[in-house]
Amino acid sequence: MEQRRQFLKILLGFFSLITLMFSPFFSLIRGAYSEAKRVILPKGTKMESLIGKAPEELDTRNLEVTHLKDFQTMGLDDYEVDLDKWRLQVTGKVKTPLHLKYSEIKALPVIRRNVLLICPGFFALNGDWKGFSVAELLKRAGADKEATNLKFYGPEVDYEKMEKFPIDEVLNEKVFLAYEVNGETLPRKHGFPLRVVADDHYGGTWVKYVYKVTVE
């Protein structure tokens, strides 16, 4: 009987720990720890020196913005969107699916942040990205409170790309959608009309030509 009680105590403690690990409070602790261990990059750091680095380990507050003419890109760079037909779709676990015109997304509350993009082994650049919070779309669509992930799709072709992110990164605005970079409309080769900006993620996950967001 005593052994059974000890076993139940251990089991209860295990499940309590699991519950704590997934609580908002523990998420704040993890986030604070992650920020504390970042390497602060000095002003004047060369982008070439960051090609082999992990973005989540870097504090980029001192980095200068890369000139748009020096931006490199990977993957598809010539997809053309007809804005008269294009719509941003918000689907999945939502009460009200959305189909938003370009003018409607430009009217959403703005996010503007410098975010580092690293394509390992190829290039690194630091852009001044302007767009909007996907959290606002989730609110308008009535996303399921039990939703855990978001999928981003683009472009709308047979070989479309899809990337999935935890919903807390969207709610914390670490992942958002951009329609401008360095004060200019997002160039075609960089994903016009929308691309994912994913702080702390490699550039391979920054989906270009986004046309759909699915809530899971």
N, C-alpha and C. Protein backbone atom coordinates (compact mmCIF):
# COMPACT_ATOMS: atom_id res chain seq x y z
N MET A 1 0.83 -1.21 0.00
CA MET A 1 0.00 0.00 0.00
C MET A 1 0.87 1.27 0.00
N GLU A 2 1.96 1.23 0.84
CA GLU A 2 2.86 2.38 0.92
C GLU A 2 3.53 2.64 -0.43
N GLN A 3 3.92 1.54 -1.11
CA GLN A 3 4.55 1.70 -2.42
C GLN A 3 3.59 2.32 -3.42
N ARG A 4 2.32 1.94 -3.32
CA ARG A 4 1.32 2.49 -4.23
C ARG A 4 1.15 3.99 -4.01
N ARG A 5 1.12 4.41 -2.73
CA ARG A 5 0.99 5.83 -2.42
C ARG A 5 2.19 6.61 -2.97
N GLN A 6 3.40 6.04 -2.80
CA GLN A 6 4.59 6.70 -3.32
C GLN A 6 4.52 6.83 -4.85
N PHE A 7 4.05 5.77 -5.49
CA PHE A 7 3.93 5.79 -6.95
C PHE A 7 2.95 6.88 -7.39
N LEU A 8 1.80 6.99 -6.69
CA LEU A 8 0.80 7.99 -7.04
C LEU A 8 1.34 9.40 -6.82
N LYS A 9 2.15 9.60 -5.77
CA LYS A 9 2.75 10.91 -5.53
C LYS A 9 3.70 11.29 -6.66
N ILE A 10 4.51 10.31 -7.08
CA ILE A 10 5.45 10.58 -8.18
C ILE A 10 4.70 10.89 -9.45
N LEU A 11 3.63 10.11 -9.71
CA LEU A 11 2.84 10.32 -10.92
C LEU A 11 2.17 11.69 -10.90
N LEU A 12 1.62 12.06 -9.75
CA LEU A 12 0.97 13.37 -9.61
C LEU A 12 1.99 14.50 -9.81
N GLY A 13 3.19 14.32 -9.24
CA GLY A 13 4.22 15.33 -9.41
C GLY A 13 4.64 15.48 -10.86
N PHE A 14 4.71 14.35 -11.57
CA PHE A 14 5.08 14.37 -12.98
C PHE A 14 4.07 15.17 -13.80
N PHE A 15 2.79 14.89 -13.59
CA PHE A 15 1.75 15.59 -14.35
C PHE A 15 1.67 17.07 -13.95
N SER A 16 1.95 17.38 -12.70
CA SER A 16 1.97 18.78 -12.28
C SER A 16 3.09 19.53 -12.99
N LEU A 17 4.24 18.87 -13.13
CA LEU A 17 5.37 19.48 -13.82
C LEU A 17 5.03 19.73 -15.29
N ILE A 18 4.40 18.74 -15.92
CA ILE A 18 4.01 18.88 -17.33
C ILE A 18 3.05 20.05 -17.50
N THR A 19 2.07 20.15 -16.59
CA THR A 19 1.10 21.25 -16.65
C THR A 19 1.80 22.59 -16.52
N LEU A 20 2.77 22.68 -15.59
CA LEU A 20 3.51 23.92 -15.38
C LEU A 20 4.31 24.29 -16.62
N MET A 21 4.92 23.30 -17.26
CA MET A 21 5.76 23.56 -18.42
C MET A 21 4.99 24.19 -19.57
N PHE A 22 3.71 23.87 -19.66
CA PHE A 22 2.90 24.40 -20.75
C PHE A 22 2.02 25.58 -20.32
N SER A 23 2.24 26.08 -19.12
CA SER A 23 1.47 27.21 -18.63
C SER A 23 2.05 28.51 -19.18
N PRO A 24 1.23 29.58 -19.26
CA PRO A 24 1.73 30.88 -19.72
C PRO A 24 2.90 31.39 -18.88
N PHE A 25 2.85 31.14 -17.56
CA PHE A 25 3.92 31.61 -16.68
C PHE A 25 5.25 30.96 -17.05
N PHE A 26 5.21 29.65 -17.28
CA PHE A 26 6.44 28.95 -17.64
C PHE A 26 6.94 29.40 -19.01
N SER A 27 6.01 29.73 -19.90
CA SER A 27 6.40 30.24 -21.22
C SER A 27 7.16 31.55 -21.08
N LEU A 28 6.71 32.40 -20.13
CA LEU A 28 7.41 33.67 -19.88
C LEU A 28 8.81 33.42 -19.36
N ILE A 29 8.95 32.44 -18.47
CA ILE A 29 10.26 32.10 -17.92
C ILE A 29 11.18 31.62 -19.03
N ARG A 30 10.67 30.72 -19.88
CA ARG A 30 11.48 30.21 -20.99
C ARG A 30 11.90 31.34 -21.91
N GLY A 31 10.96 32.26 -22.18
CA GLY A 31 11.27 33.38 -23.06
C GLY A 31 12.35 34.27 -22.47
N ALA A 32 12.24 34.54 -21.17
CA ALA A 32 13.23 35.40 -20.51
C ALA A 32 14.60 34.74 -20.52
N TYR A 33 14.64 33.43 -20.28
CA TYR A 33 15.91 32.71 -20.29
C TYR A 33 16.53 32.74 -21.68
N SER A 34 15.69 32.55 -22.69
CA SER A 34 16.16 32.57 -24.07
C SER A 34 16.77 33.92 -24.43
N GLU A 35 16.10 35.01 -24.00
CA GLU A 35 16.60 36.35 -24.28
C GLU A 35 17.93 36.60 -23.56
N ALA A 36 18.03 36.08 -22.34
CA ALA A 36 19.22 36.34 -21.52
C ALA A 36 20.47 35.70 -22.10
N LYS A 37 20.35 34.57 -22.78
CA LYS A 37 21.53 33.86 -23.27
C LYS A 37 21.93 34.27 -24.69
N ARG A 38 21.25 35.24 -25.28
CA ARG A 38 21.59 35.70 -26.63
C ARG A 38 22.93 36.46 -26.62
N VAL A 39 23.63 36.35 -27.75
CA VAL A 39 24.88 37.08 -27.94
C VAL A 39 24.54 38.44 -28.56
N ILE A 40 24.93 39.52 -27.87
CA ILE A 40 24.66 40.87 -28.39
C ILE A 40 25.69 41.18 -29.48
N LEU A 41 25.20 41.39 -30.69
CA LEU A 41 26.09 41.69 -31.81
C LEU A 41 26.47 43.17 -31.79
N PRO A 42 27.75 43.48 -31.94
CA PRO A 42 28.17 44.88 -31.91
C PRO A 42 27.79 45.61 -33.19
N LYS A 43 27.68 46.93 -33.09
CA LYS A 43 27.41 47.74 -34.26
C LYS A 43 28.53 47.56 -35.28
N GLY A 44 28.15 47.46 -36.54
CA GLY A 44 29.14 47.26 -37.58
C GLY A 44 29.40 45.80 -37.91
N THR A 45 28.69 44.88 -37.25
CA THR A 45 28.85 43.45 -37.55
C THR A 45 28.58 43.20 -39.03
N LYS A 46 29.46 42.46 -39.67
CA LYS A 46 29.30 42.13 -41.08
C LYS A 46 28.28 41.01 -41.25
N MET A 47 27.36 41.20 -42.20
CA MET A 47 26.34 40.20 -42.44
C MET A 47 26.95 38.85 -42.81
N GLU A 48 28.07 38.87 -43.52
CA GLU A 48 28.71 37.63 -43.95
C GLU A 48 29.11 36.75 -42.76
N SER A 49 29.40 37.39 -41.64
CA SER A 49 29.83 36.64 -40.46
C SER A 49 28.68 35.91 -39.77
N LEU A 50 27.45 36.20 -40.19
CA LEU A 50 26.28 35.60 -39.53
C LEU A 50 25.68 34.44 -40.32
N ILE A 51 26.24 34.15 -41.48
CA ILE A 51 25.66 33.14 -42.38
C ILE A 51 25.56 31.77 -41.70
N GLY A 52 26.52 31.45 -40.83
CA GLY A 52 26.50 30.14 -40.17
C GLY A 52 25.93 30.17 -38.77
N LYS A 53 25.34 31.29 -38.37
CA LYS A 53 24.81 31.43 -37.02
C LYS A 53 23.34 31.02 -36.93
N ALA A 54 22.90 30.74 -35.70
CA ALA A 54 21.49 30.44 -35.45
C ALA A 54 20.80 31.73 -35.00
N PRO A 55 19.76 32.18 -35.69
CA PRO A 55 19.14 33.48 -35.37
C PRO A 55 18.60 33.58 -33.95
N GLU A 56 18.15 32.47 -33.38
CA GLU A 56 17.58 32.52 -32.04
C GLU A 56 18.64 32.75 -30.96
N GLU A 57 19.92 32.69 -31.33
CA GLU A 57 21.00 32.89 -30.37
C GLU A 57 21.59 34.30 -30.44
N LEU A 58 21.02 35.15 -31.31
CA LEU A 58 21.62 36.46 -31.56
C LEU A 58 20.71 37.60 -31.10
N ASP A 59 21.32 38.59 -30.47
CA ASP A 59 20.63 39.83 -30.13
C ASP A 59 21.05 40.86 -31.18
N THR A 60 20.11 41.27 -32.02
CA THR A 60 20.42 42.07 -33.20
C THR A 60 20.12 43.56 -33.03
N ARG A 61 19.96 44.04 -31.81
CA ARG A 61 19.53 45.42 -31.56
C ARG A 61 20.47 46.46 -32.18
N ASN A 62 21.75 46.10 -32.33
CA ASN A 62 22.73 47.06 -32.84
C ASN A 62 22.98 46.96 -34.35
N LEU A 63 22.34 45.99 -35.00
CA LEU A 63 22.60 45.77 -36.42
C LEU A 63 22.01 46.88 -37.28
N GLU A 64 22.74 47.25 -38.30
CA GLU A 64 22.22 48.21 -39.28
C GLU A 64 21.34 47.47 -40.28
N VAL A 65 20.41 48.21 -40.88
CA VAL A 65 19.53 47.62 -41.88
C VAL A 65 20.30 47.42 -43.19
N THR A 66 20.12 46.27 -43.81
CA THR A 66 20.75 45.96 -45.09
C THR A 66 20.03 46.71 -46.20
N HIS A 67 20.79 47.37 -47.07
CA HIS A 67 20.18 48.08 -48.20
C HIS A 67 19.41 47.09 -49.07
N LEU A 68 18.26 47.51 -49.54
CA LEU A 68 17.41 46.63 -50.33
C LEU A 68 18.13 46.12 -51.59
N LYS A 69 18.99 46.94 -52.16
CA LYS A 69 19.73 46.52 -53.35
C LYS A 69 20.68 45.36 -53.06
N ASP A 70 21.00 45.16 -51.78
CA ASP A 70 21.90 44.08 -51.38
C ASP A 70 21.15 42.84 -50.89
N PHE A 71 19.82 42.91 -50.90
CA PHE A 71 19.02 41.75 -50.49
C PHE A 71 19.21 40.61 -51.48
N GLN A 72 19.47 39.43 -50.97
CA GLN A 72 19.48 38.23 -51.79
C GLN A 72 18.21 37.44 -51.49
N THR A 73 17.94 36.43 -52.30
CA THR A 73 16.73 35.65 -52.10
C THR A 73 16.96 34.21 -52.51
N MET A 74 16.15 33.32 -51.96
CA MET A 74 16.21 31.89 -52.30
C MET A 74 14.84 31.44 -52.81
N GLY A 75 14.83 30.40 -53.60
CA GLY A 75 13.57 29.83 -54.06
C GLY A 75 12.92 30.65 -55.15
N LEU A 76 11.63 30.45 -55.31
CA LEU A 76 10.86 31.13 -56.35
C LEU A 76 10.94 32.64 -56.19
N ASP A 77 11.20 33.35 -57.30
CA ASP A 77 11.32 34.81 -57.20
C ASP A 77 10.63 35.55 -58.34
N ASP A 78 9.81 34.85 -59.11
CA ASP A 78 9.18 35.53 -60.26
C ASP A 78 7.68 35.29 -60.35
N TYR A 79 7.06 34.89 -59.22
CA TYR A 79 5.62 34.64 -59.24
C TYR A 79 4.88 35.98 -59.29
N GLU A 80 3.88 36.07 -60.14
CA GLU A 80 3.14 37.32 -60.31
C GLU A 80 1.71 37.17 -59.80
N VAL A 81 1.29 38.13 -59.00
CA VAL A 81 -0.04 38.11 -58.39
C VAL A 81 -0.92 39.18 -59.04
N ASP A 82 -2.15 38.80 -59.34
CA ASP A 82 -3.16 39.74 -59.84
C ASP A 82 -3.95 40.22 -58.62
N LEU A 83 -3.70 41.45 -58.17
CA LEU A 83 -4.34 41.94 -56.96
C LEU A 83 -5.85 42.06 -57.08
N ASP A 84 -6.37 42.17 -58.29
CA ASP A 84 -7.82 42.24 -58.47
C ASP A 84 -8.48 40.91 -58.09
N LYS A 85 -7.73 39.82 -58.20
CA LYS A 85 -8.27 38.49 -57.88
C LYS A 85 -7.72 37.95 -56.56
N TRP A 86 -6.57 38.43 -56.16
CA TRP A 86 -5.92 37.89 -54.96
C TRP A 86 -6.71 38.21 -53.69
N ARG A 87 -6.77 37.22 -52.81
CA ARG A 87 -7.37 37.39 -51.48
C ARG A 87 -6.53 36.63 -50.47
N LEU A 88 -6.41 37.19 -49.26
CA LEU A 88 -5.78 36.46 -48.17
C LEU A 88 -6.87 35.67 -47.46
N GLN A 89 -6.73 34.36 -47.46
CA GLN A 89 -7.72 33.48 -46.85
C GLN A 89 -7.29 33.10 -45.43
N VAL A 90 -8.22 33.11 -44.50
CA VAL A 90 -8.00 32.62 -43.15
C VAL A 90 -9.02 31.52 -42.91
N THR A 91 -8.54 30.28 -42.78
CA THR A 91 -9.41 29.11 -42.73
C THR A 91 -9.03 28.21 -41.55
N GLY A 92 -9.69 27.06 -41.48
CA GLY A 92 -9.38 26.08 -40.44
C GLY A 92 -10.32 26.20 -39.26
N LYS A 93 -9.77 26.16 -38.06
CA LYS A 93 -10.58 26.20 -36.84
C LYS A 93 -10.97 27.64 -36.50
N VAL A 94 -11.87 28.19 -37.30
CA VAL A 94 -12.35 29.55 -37.10
C VAL A 94 -13.88 29.57 -37.24
N LYS A 95 -14.51 30.53 -36.59
CA LYS A 95 -15.97 30.67 -36.70
C LYS A 95 -16.35 31.33 -38.02
N THR A 96 -15.53 32.29 -38.45
CA THR A 96 -15.83 33.07 -39.65
C THR A 96 -14.62 33.11 -40.58
N PRO A 97 -14.54 32.24 -41.58
CA PRO A 97 -13.43 32.30 -42.53
C PRO A 97 -13.35 33.68 -43.18
N LEU A 98 -12.13 34.15 -43.42
CA LEU A 98 -11.92 35.47 -44.00
C LEU A 98 -11.35 35.37 -45.41
N HIS A 99 -11.71 36.35 -46.24
CA HIS A 99 -11.14 36.50 -47.59
C HIS A 99 -10.90 38.00 -47.77
N LEU A 100 -9.67 38.44 -47.48
CA LEU A 100 -9.38 39.87 -47.42
C LEU A 100 -8.64 40.37 -48.65
N LYS A 101 -9.08 41.53 -49.14
CA LYS A 101 -8.40 42.18 -50.25
C LYS A 101 -7.10 42.83 -49.74
N TYR A 102 -6.23 43.16 -50.67
CA TYR A 102 -4.96 43.80 -50.33
C TYR A 102 -5.22 45.12 -49.60
N SER A 103 -6.19 45.88 -50.06
CA SER A 103 -6.50 47.15 -49.41
C SER A 103 -6.98 46.96 -47.97
N GLU A 104 -7.63 45.83 -47.71
CA GLU A 104 -8.12 45.55 -46.36
C GLU A 104 -6.99 45.17 -45.42
N ILE A 105 -6.01 44.43 -45.92
CA ILE A 105 -4.90 44.08 -45.03
C ILE A 105 -4.01 45.30 -44.76
N LYS A 106 -3.95 46.23 -45.72
CA LYS A 106 -3.16 47.44 -45.52
C LYS A 106 -3.81 48.36 -44.46
N ALA A 107 -5.10 48.11 -44.19
CA ALA A 107 -5.81 48.93 -43.20
C ALA A 107 -5.71 48.35 -41.79
N LEU A 108 -5.09 47.18 -41.64
CA LEU A 108 -4.95 46.55 -40.32
C LEU A 108 -3.88 47.27 -39.50
N PRO A 109 -3.96 47.18 -38.15
CA PRO A 109 -2.93 47.78 -37.29
C PRO A 109 -1.54 47.32 -37.70
N VAL A 110 -0.61 48.25 -37.73
CA VAL A 110 0.71 48.01 -38.32
C VAL A 110 1.72 47.46 -37.31
N ILE A 111 2.56 46.53 -37.80
CA ILE A 111 3.76 46.09 -37.10
C ILE A 111 4.95 46.51 -37.95
N ARG A 112 5.98 47.10 -37.33
CA ARG A 112 7.20 47.44 -38.07
C ARG A 112 8.39 47.12 -37.18
N ARG A 113 9.22 46.18 -37.64
CA ARG A 113 10.36 45.75 -36.84
C ARG A 113 11.54 45.37 -37.72
N ASN A 114 12.73 45.57 -37.18
CA ASN A 114 13.93 45.06 -37.81
C ASN A 114 14.09 43.59 -37.42
N VAL A 115 14.16 42.71 -38.41
CA VAL A 115 14.28 41.28 -38.13
C VAL A 115 15.36 40.70 -39.04
N LEU A 116 16.22 39.89 -38.45
CA LEU A 116 17.32 39.26 -39.16
C LEU A 116 16.83 38.02 -39.91
N LEU A 117 17.23 37.90 -41.17
CA LEU A 117 16.92 36.73 -41.98
C LEU A 117 18.23 36.05 -42.35
N ILE A 118 18.37 34.78 -41.98
CA ILE A 118 19.57 34.01 -42.31
C ILE A 118 19.19 32.79 -43.15
N CYS A 119 19.80 32.66 -44.31
CA CYS A 119 19.73 31.44 -45.09
C CYS A 119 21.09 30.77 -44.94
N PRO A 120 21.21 29.75 -44.08
CA PRO A 120 22.50 29.19 -43.70
C PRO A 120 23.35 28.78 -44.90
N GLY A 121 24.59 29.26 -44.90
CA GLY A 121 25.52 28.93 -45.95
C GLY A 121 25.41 29.80 -47.19
N PHE A 122 24.39 30.67 -47.21
CA PHE A 122 24.17 31.49 -48.41
C PHE A 122 24.26 33.00 -48.11
N PHE A 123 23.38 33.50 -47.24
CA PHE A 123 23.41 34.93 -46.96
C PHE A 123 22.69 35.24 -45.66
N ALA A 124 22.94 36.45 -45.16
CA ALA A 124 22.22 36.99 -44.01
C ALA A 124 21.91 38.44 -44.31
N LEU A 125 20.74 38.89 -43.90
CA LEU A 125 20.35 40.28 -44.11
C LEU A 125 19.44 40.72 -42.98
N ASN A 126 19.47 42.02 -42.71
CA ASN A 126 18.65 42.58 -41.64
C ASN A 126 17.70 43.60 -42.26
N GLY A 127 16.42 43.27 -42.28
CA GLY A 127 15.44 44.12 -42.95
C GLY A 127 14.55 44.88 -41.99
N ASP A 128 14.07 46.02 -42.46
CA ASP A 128 13.07 46.82 -41.75
C ASP A 128 11.72 46.41 -42.32
N TRP A 129 11.06 45.46 -41.67
CA TRP A 129 9.84 44.84 -42.20
C TRP A 129 8.60 45.53 -41.64
N LYS A 130 7.65 45.79 -42.51
CA LYS A 130 6.39 46.41 -42.10
C LYS A 130 5.23 45.55 -42.57
N GLY A 131 4.30 45.29 -41.67
CA GLY A 131 3.14 44.46 -42.02
C GLY A 131 2.09 44.54 -40.93
N PHE A 132 1.52 43.40 -40.58
CA PHE A 132 0.44 43.40 -39.59
C PHE A 132 0.46 42.12 -38.78
N SER A 133 -0.19 42.16 -37.62
CA SER A 133 -0.25 41.02 -36.72
C SER A 133 -1.30 40.02 -37.19
N VAL A 134 -0.89 38.77 -37.31
CA VAL A 134 -1.84 37.71 -37.66
C VAL A 134 -2.79 37.46 -36.50
N ALA A 135 -2.39 37.85 -35.29
CA ALA A 135 -3.27 37.72 -34.13
C ALA A 135 -4.56 38.50 -34.34
N GLU A 136 -4.47 39.64 -35.03
CA GLU A 136 -5.67 40.43 -35.34
C GLU A 136 -6.60 39.66 -36.26
N LEU A 137 -6.04 38.93 -37.21
CA LEU A 137 -6.86 38.11 -38.10
C LEU A 137 -7.56 36.99 -37.31
N LEU A 138 -6.84 36.39 -36.37
CA LEU A 138 -7.43 35.32 -35.56
C LEU A 138 -8.60 35.84 -34.74
N LYS A 139 -8.45 37.06 -34.24
CA LYS A 139 -9.53 37.67 -33.46
C LYS A 139 -10.75 37.90 -34.34
N ARG A 140 -10.54 38.45 -35.53
CA ARG A 140 -11.66 38.74 -36.42
C ARG A 140 -12.33 37.48 -36.94
N ALA A 141 -11.54 36.43 -37.12
CA ALA A 141 -12.10 35.17 -37.63
C ALA A 141 -12.71 34.32 -36.53
N GLY A 142 -12.46 34.67 -35.28
CA GLY A 142 -12.97 33.86 -34.17
C GLY A 142 -12.28 32.52 -34.08
N ALA A 143 -10.96 32.54 -33.99
CA ALA A 143 -10.18 31.31 -33.95
C ALA A 143 -10.51 30.50 -32.70
N ASP A 144 -10.50 29.19 -32.84
CA ASP A 144 -10.75 28.27 -31.73
C ASP A 144 -9.72 28.51 -30.63
N LYS A 145 -10.19 28.62 -29.40
CA LYS A 145 -9.29 28.87 -28.27
C LYS A 145 -8.34 27.71 -28.01
N GLU A 146 -8.68 26.53 -28.54
CA GLU A 146 -7.83 25.36 -28.35
C GLU A 146 -6.82 25.20 -29.49
N ALA A 147 -6.81 26.11 -30.44
CA ALA A 147 -5.90 26.02 -31.58
C ALA A 147 -4.45 26.10 -31.09
N THR A 148 -3.56 25.35 -31.73
CA THR A 148 -2.17 25.28 -31.30
C THR A 148 -1.17 25.75 -32.36
N ASN A 149 -1.56 25.68 -33.64
CA ASN A 149 -0.61 26.00 -34.70
C ASN A 149 -1.27 26.77 -35.83
N LEU A 150 -0.44 27.47 -36.59
CA LEU A 150 -0.90 28.13 -37.81
C LEU A 150 -0.04 27.68 -38.98
N LYS A 151 -0.67 27.45 -40.11
CA LYS A 151 0.03 27.10 -41.34
C LYS A 151 -0.07 28.27 -42.33
N PHE A 152 1.03 28.58 -42.98
CA PHE A 152 1.08 29.64 -43.98
C PHE A 152 1.40 29.01 -45.34
N TYR A 153 0.62 29.40 -46.35
CA TYR A 153 0.77 28.82 -47.69
C TYR A 153 1.08 29.90 -48.72
N GLY A 154 1.92 29.55 -49.70
CA GLY A 154 2.16 30.44 -50.82
C GLY A 154 3.21 29.85 -51.77
N PRO A 155 3.15 30.17 -53.05
CA PRO A 155 2.03 30.85 -53.72
C PRO A 155 0.92 29.85 -54.07
N GLU A 156 -0.13 30.35 -54.68
CA GLU A 156 -1.29 29.49 -54.98
C GLU A 156 -1.07 28.76 -56.31
N VAL A 157 -0.19 27.77 -56.25
CA VAL A 157 0.14 26.96 -57.42
C VAL A 157 0.30 25.51 -56.97
N ASP A 158 0.53 24.60 -57.91
CA ASP A 158 0.65 23.18 -57.58
C ASP A 158 1.83 22.89 -56.66
N TYR A 159 2.88 23.70 -56.74
CA TYR A 159 4.09 23.46 -55.94
C TYR A 159 4.18 24.45 -54.78
N GLU A 160 3.03 24.83 -54.23
CA GLU A 160 3.02 25.80 -53.13
C GLU A 160 3.85 25.31 -51.94
N LYS A 161 4.33 26.26 -51.18
CA LYS A 161 5.11 25.98 -49.98
C LYS A 161 4.23 26.17 -48.76
N MET A 162 4.46 25.36 -47.73
CA MET A 162 3.72 25.50 -46.48
C MET A 162 4.68 25.40 -45.31
N GLU A 163 4.50 26.28 -44.33
CA GLU A 163 5.27 26.21 -43.09
C GLU A 163 4.32 26.38 -41.91
N LYS A 164 4.62 25.66 -40.82
CA LYS A 164 3.76 25.69 -39.63
C LYS A 164 4.51 26.31 -38.46
N PHE A 165 3.81 27.15 -37.69
CA PHE A 165 4.38 27.82 -36.52
C PHE A 165 3.45 27.65 -35.32
N PRO A 166 4.01 27.55 -34.10
CA PRO A 166 3.17 27.52 -32.89
C PRO A 166 2.38 28.81 -32.77
N ILE A 167 1.15 28.71 -32.33
CA ILE A 167 0.28 29.89 -32.29
C ILE A 167 0.79 30.94 -31.30
N ASP A 168 1.55 30.52 -30.27
CA ASP A 168 2.04 31.52 -29.32
C ASP A 168 3.05 32.46 -29.96
N GLU A 169 3.77 31.99 -30.99
CA GLU A 169 4.71 32.87 -31.68
C GLU A 169 3.98 33.91 -32.52
N VAL A 170 2.78 33.57 -32.95
CA VAL A 170 1.95 34.52 -33.68
C VAL A 170 1.34 35.52 -32.71
N LEU A 171 0.83 35.04 -31.59
CA LEU A 171 0.22 35.93 -30.60
C LEU A 171 1.25 36.88 -30.00
N ASN A 172 2.51 36.45 -29.91
CA ASN A 172 3.58 37.30 -29.38
C ASN A 172 4.21 38.17 -30.47
N GLU A 173 3.69 38.04 -31.69
CA GLU A 173 4.13 38.82 -32.85
C GLU A 173 5.59 38.57 -33.22
N LYS A 174 6.10 37.38 -32.88
CA LYS A 174 7.41 36.97 -33.39
C LYS A 174 7.28 36.53 -34.84
N VAL A 175 6.07 36.08 -35.20
CA VAL A 175 5.77 35.71 -36.58
C VAL A 175 4.63 36.61 -37.06
N PHE A 176 4.88 37.34 -38.15
CA PHE A 176 3.83 38.19 -38.71
C PHE A 176 3.94 38.22 -40.22
N LEU A 177 3.04 38.94 -40.87
CA LEU A 177 3.04 39.03 -42.33
C LEU A 177 3.42 40.45 -42.75
N ALA A 178 4.35 40.53 -43.70
CA ALA A 178 4.87 41.82 -44.15
C ALA A 178 4.47 42.11 -45.59
N TYR A 179 4.18 43.41 -45.86
CA TYR A 179 3.89 43.85 -47.22
C TYR A 179 4.85 44.97 -47.66
N GLU A 180 5.75 45.37 -46.75
CA GLU A 180 6.78 46.35 -47.10
C GLU A 180 8.10 45.93 -46.48
N VAL A 181 9.20 46.39 -47.09
CA VAL A 181 10.52 46.17 -46.51
C VAL A 181 11.37 47.40 -46.81
N ASN A 182 12.06 47.88 -45.80
CA ASN A 182 12.91 49.07 -45.92
C ASN A 182 12.16 50.25 -46.53
N GLY A 183 10.90 50.41 -46.16
CA GLY A 183 10.11 51.55 -46.59
C GLY A 183 9.55 51.44 -47.99
N GLU A 184 9.71 50.28 -48.64
CA GLU A 184 9.20 50.09 -49.99
C GLU A 184 8.23 48.91 -50.03
N THR A 185 7.30 48.97 -50.98
CA THR A 185 6.41 47.84 -51.20
C THR A 185 7.24 46.59 -51.44
N LEU A 186 6.86 45.49 -50.84
CA LEU A 186 7.60 44.24 -50.96
C LEU A 186 7.84 43.91 -52.44
N PRO A 187 9.09 43.83 -52.88
CA PRO A 187 9.35 43.52 -54.28
C PRO A 187 8.84 42.14 -54.68
N ARG A 188 8.55 42.00 -55.93
CA ARG A 188 8.04 40.72 -56.46
C ARG A 188 8.95 39.56 -56.10
N LYS A 189 10.26 39.73 -56.27
CA LYS A 189 11.18 38.61 -56.02
C LYS A 189 11.28 38.25 -54.54
N HIS A 190 10.80 39.14 -53.68
CA HIS A 190 10.83 38.87 -52.24
C HIS A 190 9.46 38.47 -51.69
N GLY A 191 8.48 38.24 -52.58
CA GLY A 191 7.24 37.63 -52.12
C GLY A 191 5.98 38.45 -52.19
N PHE A 192 5.97 39.56 -52.96
CA PHE A 192 4.76 40.39 -53.07
C PHE A 192 3.54 39.52 -53.40
N PRO A 193 2.40 39.75 -52.73
CA PRO A 193 2.08 40.89 -51.85
C PRO A 193 2.38 40.67 -50.36
N LEU A 194 2.54 39.41 -49.93
CA LEU A 194 2.78 39.14 -48.51
C LEU A 194 3.83 38.06 -48.34
N ARG A 195 4.65 38.23 -47.33
CA ARG A 195 5.55 37.14 -46.96
C ARG A 195 5.60 37.02 -45.44
N VAL A 196 5.91 35.82 -44.98
CA VAL A 196 6.09 35.58 -43.55
C VAL A 196 7.39 36.23 -43.10
N VAL A 197 7.34 36.88 -41.95
CA VAL A 197 8.55 37.31 -41.23
C VAL A 197 8.55 36.52 -39.93
N ALA A 198 9.57 35.69 -39.75
CA ALA A 198 9.61 34.78 -38.60
C ALA A 198 10.88 35.00 -37.80
N ASP A 199 10.80 35.84 -36.79
CA ASP A 199 11.93 36.14 -35.92
C ASP A 199 12.43 34.84 -35.28
N ASP A 200 13.75 34.65 -35.26
CA ASP A 200 14.40 33.47 -34.67
C ASP A 200 14.30 32.22 -35.54
N HIS A 201 13.77 32.33 -36.75
CA HIS A 201 13.69 31.18 -37.65
C HIS A 201 14.54 31.44 -38.90
N TYR A 202 15.09 30.37 -39.46
CA TYR A 202 15.85 30.50 -40.70
C TYR A 202 14.95 30.94 -41.85
N GLY A 203 15.58 31.56 -42.85
CA GLY A 203 14.83 32.12 -43.97
C GLY A 203 14.03 31.11 -44.76
N GLY A 204 14.39 29.83 -44.68
CA GLY A 204 13.64 28.81 -45.41
C GLY A 204 12.20 28.67 -44.97
N THR A 205 11.87 29.20 -43.78
CA THR A 205 10.50 29.12 -43.28
C THR A 205 9.69 30.39 -43.56
N TRP A 206 10.37 31.40 -44.14
CA TRP A 206 9.70 32.68 -44.40
C TRP A 206 8.94 32.59 -45.72
N VAL A 207 7.80 31.98 -45.69
CA VAL A 207 7.02 31.73 -46.91
C VAL A 207 6.74 33.02 -47.68
N LYS A 208 6.97 32.99 -48.98
CA LYS A 208 6.70 34.14 -49.84
C LYS A 208 5.36 33.94 -50.56
N TYR A 209 4.83 35.05 -51.10
CA TYR A 209 3.58 35.03 -51.88
C TYR A 209 2.43 34.40 -51.09
N VAL A 210 2.35 34.72 -49.80
CA VAL A 210 1.33 34.11 -48.93
C VAL A 210 -0.08 34.47 -49.40
N TYR A 211 -0.93 33.46 -49.48
CA TYR A 211 -2.32 33.69 -49.84
C TYR A 211 -3.30 33.02 -48.87
N LYS A 212 -2.77 32.16 -47.97
CA LYS A 212 -3.68 31.45 -47.06
C LYS A 212 -3.01 31.18 -45.72
N VAL A 213 -3.83 31.36 -44.65
CA VAL A 213 -3.42 31.02 -43.29
C VAL A 213 -4.46 30.05 -42.74
N THR A 214 -4.00 28.91 -42.26
CA THR A 214 -4.91 27.89 -41.73
C THR A 214 -4.66 27.69 -40.25
N VAL A 215 -5.74 27.74 -39.46
CA VAL A 215 -5.66 27.56 -38.02
C VAL A 215 -5.87 26.10 -37.68
N GLU A 216 -5.01 25.53 -36.87
CA GLU A 216 -5.14 24.12 -36.47
C GLU A 216 -5.38 23.99 -34.96
